[in-house]
N, C-alpha and C. Protein backbone atom coordinates (compact mmCIF):
# COMPACT_ATOMS: atom_id res chain seq x y z
N UNK A 1 1.22 -1.42 0.09
CA UNK A 1 -0.19 -0.02 -0.11
C UNK A 1 0.79 0.93 0.13
N UNK A 2 0.21 2.58 -1.33
CA UNK A 2 1.19 3.67 -1.21
C UNK A 2 1.05 4.15 -0.17
N UNK A 3 2.16 5.58 0.35
CA UNK A 3 1.04 6.43 0.96
C UNK A 3 0.66 7.47 0.35
N UNK A 4 -0.81 7.08 -0.31
CA UNK A 4 -0.75 7.74 -0.92
C UNK A 4 -2.65 7.30 -0.71
N UNK A 5 -2.36 5.86 -1.18
CA UNK A 5 -3.27 4.69 -1.08
C UNK A 5 -4.62 4.40 1.10
N UNK A 6 -3.26 4.71 1.31
CA UNK A 6 -3.70 4.96 2.92
C UNK A 6 -4.00 5.96 3.64
N UNK A 7 -3.10 7.23 2.36
CA UNK A 7 -4.71 8.58 2.98
C UNK A 7 -6.33 8.44 2.37
N UNK A 8 -5.67 7.84 1.45
CA UNK A 8 -6.93 7.72 0.29
C UNK A 8 -8.32 7.00 1.59
N UNK A 9 -7.72 5.36 2.24
CA UNK A 9 -8.89 4.36 3.11
C UNK A 9 -8.53 4.90 4.33
N UNK A 10 -7.42 5.80 5.18
CA UNK A 10 -8.00 6.31 5.97
C UNK A 10 -9.68 7.46 6.05
N UNK A 11 -9.32 8.08 4.93
CA UNK A 11 -10.23 9.46 4.78
C UNK A 11 -11.40 8.82 4.76
N UNK A 12 -11.21 7.84 3.66
CA UNK A 12 -12.41 7.11 3.52
C UNK A 12 -12.96 6.13 4.91
N UNK A 13 -12.46 5.85 6.01
CA UNK A 13 -12.56 4.64 7.32
C UNK A 13 -12.80 5.90 7.83
N UNK A 14 -12.24 6.75 8.15
CA UNK A 14 -12.63 8.12 8.98
C UNK A 14 -14.20 9.20 9.15
N UNK A 15 -15.12 8.64 7.68
CA UNK A 15 -16.30 9.54 7.73
C UNK A 15 -17.17 8.61 8.05
N UNK A 16 -16.39 7.01 9.04
CA UNK A 16 -17.53 6.27 9.25
C UNK A 16 -17.89 6.50 11.29
N UNK A 17 -19.52 5.84 11.39
CA UNK A 17 -19.59 5.81 13.07
C UNK A 17 -18.48 5.24 14.06
N UNK A 18 -18.63 6.10 14.66
CA UNK A 18 -18.11 4.76 15.77
C UNK A 18 -18.74 3.37 15.31
N UNK A 19 -19.97 3.45 15.97
CA UNK A 19 -20.24 2.07 16.30
C UNK A 19 -19.70 1.06 14.43
N UNK A 20 -19.48 2.09 13.34
CA UNK A 20 -18.99 0.87 12.46
C UNK A 20 -17.38 0.89 12.60
N UNK A 21 -16.97 2.21 13.03
CA UNK A 21 -15.41 2.09 13.70
C UNK A 21 -15.23 0.76 14.36
N UNK A 22 -16.29 -0.25 15.23
CA UNK A 22 -16.10 -0.98 15.81
C UNK A 22 -16.41 -2.06 15.29
N UNK A 23 -17.60 -1.97 14.37
CA UNK A 23 -17.51 -3.44 13.76
C UNK A 23 -16.59 -3.77 12.63
N UNK A 24 -16.29 -2.59 12.45
CA UNK A 24 -14.85 -2.70 11.53
C UNK A 24 -13.53 -3.80 12.21
N UNK A 25 -13.36 -3.43 13.42
CA UNK A 25 -12.16 -3.91 13.75
C UNK A 25 -12.22 -5.54 13.97
N UNK A 26 -13.64 -6.07 13.86
CA UNK A 26 -13.64 -7.91 13.61
C UNK A 26 -13.46 -8.62 12.21
N UNK A 27 -12.92 -7.33 11.28
CA UNK A 27 -12.81 -7.23 10.36
C UNK A 27 -11.34 -8.32 10.23
N UNK A 28 -11.48 -9.51 9.25
CA UNK A 28 -9.96 -10.71 8.90
C UNK A 28 -8.78 -10.00 7.79
N UNK A 29 -8.68 -8.88 7.09
CA UNK A 29 -8.25 -7.73 6.36
C UNK A 29 -7.86 -7.03 7.83
N UNK A 30 -6.24 -7.02 7.91
CA UNK A 30 -5.21 -6.88 8.60
C UNK A 30 -5.33 -5.10 8.22
N UNK A 31 -5.34 -4.94 7.04
CA UNK A 31 -5.15 -3.17 6.85
C UNK A 31 -6.52 -2.77 7.03
N UNK A 32 -7.42 -3.68 6.54
CA UNK A 32 -9.05 -2.58 6.87
C UNK A 32 -9.55 -2.54 9.03
N UNK A 33 -8.48 -3.16 9.46
CA UNK A 33 -8.09 -3.53 11.04
C UNK A 33 -7.34 -2.24 12.04
N UNK A 34 -6.45 -2.80 11.67
CA UNK A 34 -5.12 -1.02 11.44
C UNK A 34 -5.85 0.18 10.93
N UNK A 35 -7.08 0.66 10.11
CA UNK A 35 -7.30 1.61 9.91
C UNK A 35 -8.62 2.11 10.91
N UNK A 36 -9.11 1.19 10.49
CA UNK A 36 -9.80 1.35 11.82
C UNK A 36 -9.98 1.92 12.96
N UNK A 37 -8.60 0.99 13.39
CA UNK A 37 -8.56 0.73 15.21
C UNK A 37 -7.77 3.04 15.33
N UNK A 38 -6.99 3.06 13.76
CA UNK A 38 -6.92 4.69 13.98
C UNK A 38 -7.10 5.70 13.82
N UNK A 39 -8.09 4.94 13.25
CA UNK A 39 -9.64 6.67 13.09
C UNK A 39 -10.34 6.79 14.19
N UNK A 40 -11.18 5.30 15.07
CA UNK A 40 -11.39 5.09 16.74
C UNK A 40 -11.02 5.82 17.37
N UNK A 41 -9.13 5.86 17.61
CA UNK A 41 -8.01 6.57 18.30
C UNK A 41 -8.70 8.22 17.66
N UNK A 42 -8.97 8.55 16.47
CA UNK A 42 -8.89 9.75 16.10
C UNK A 42 -10.51 10.33 16.56
N UNK A 43 -11.46 9.83 16.21
CA UNK A 43 -12.54 9.51 16.60
C UNK A 43 -12.73 10.29 18.31
N UNK A 44 -12.35 9.79 19.12
CA UNK A 44 -12.27 9.23 20.52
C UNK A 44 -10.51 10.16 20.73
N UNK A 45 -9.86 10.59 20.68
CA UNK A 45 -8.59 11.71 21.10
C UNK A 45 -8.78 10.65 21.99
N UNK A 46 -8.03 9.42 21.50
CA UNK A 46 -7.46 8.55 22.42
C UNK A 46 -5.56 8.17 22.23
């Protein structure tokens, strides 16, 4: 994944609600879980 692809994935994921982000943490895909966790931390200021 390039830096641009990562930034785009993070921007798309950041638009989701907190419950949706929590749901993404159960994904089989490691990248999805990683980006969801980053976005969830941003959304909750942790």
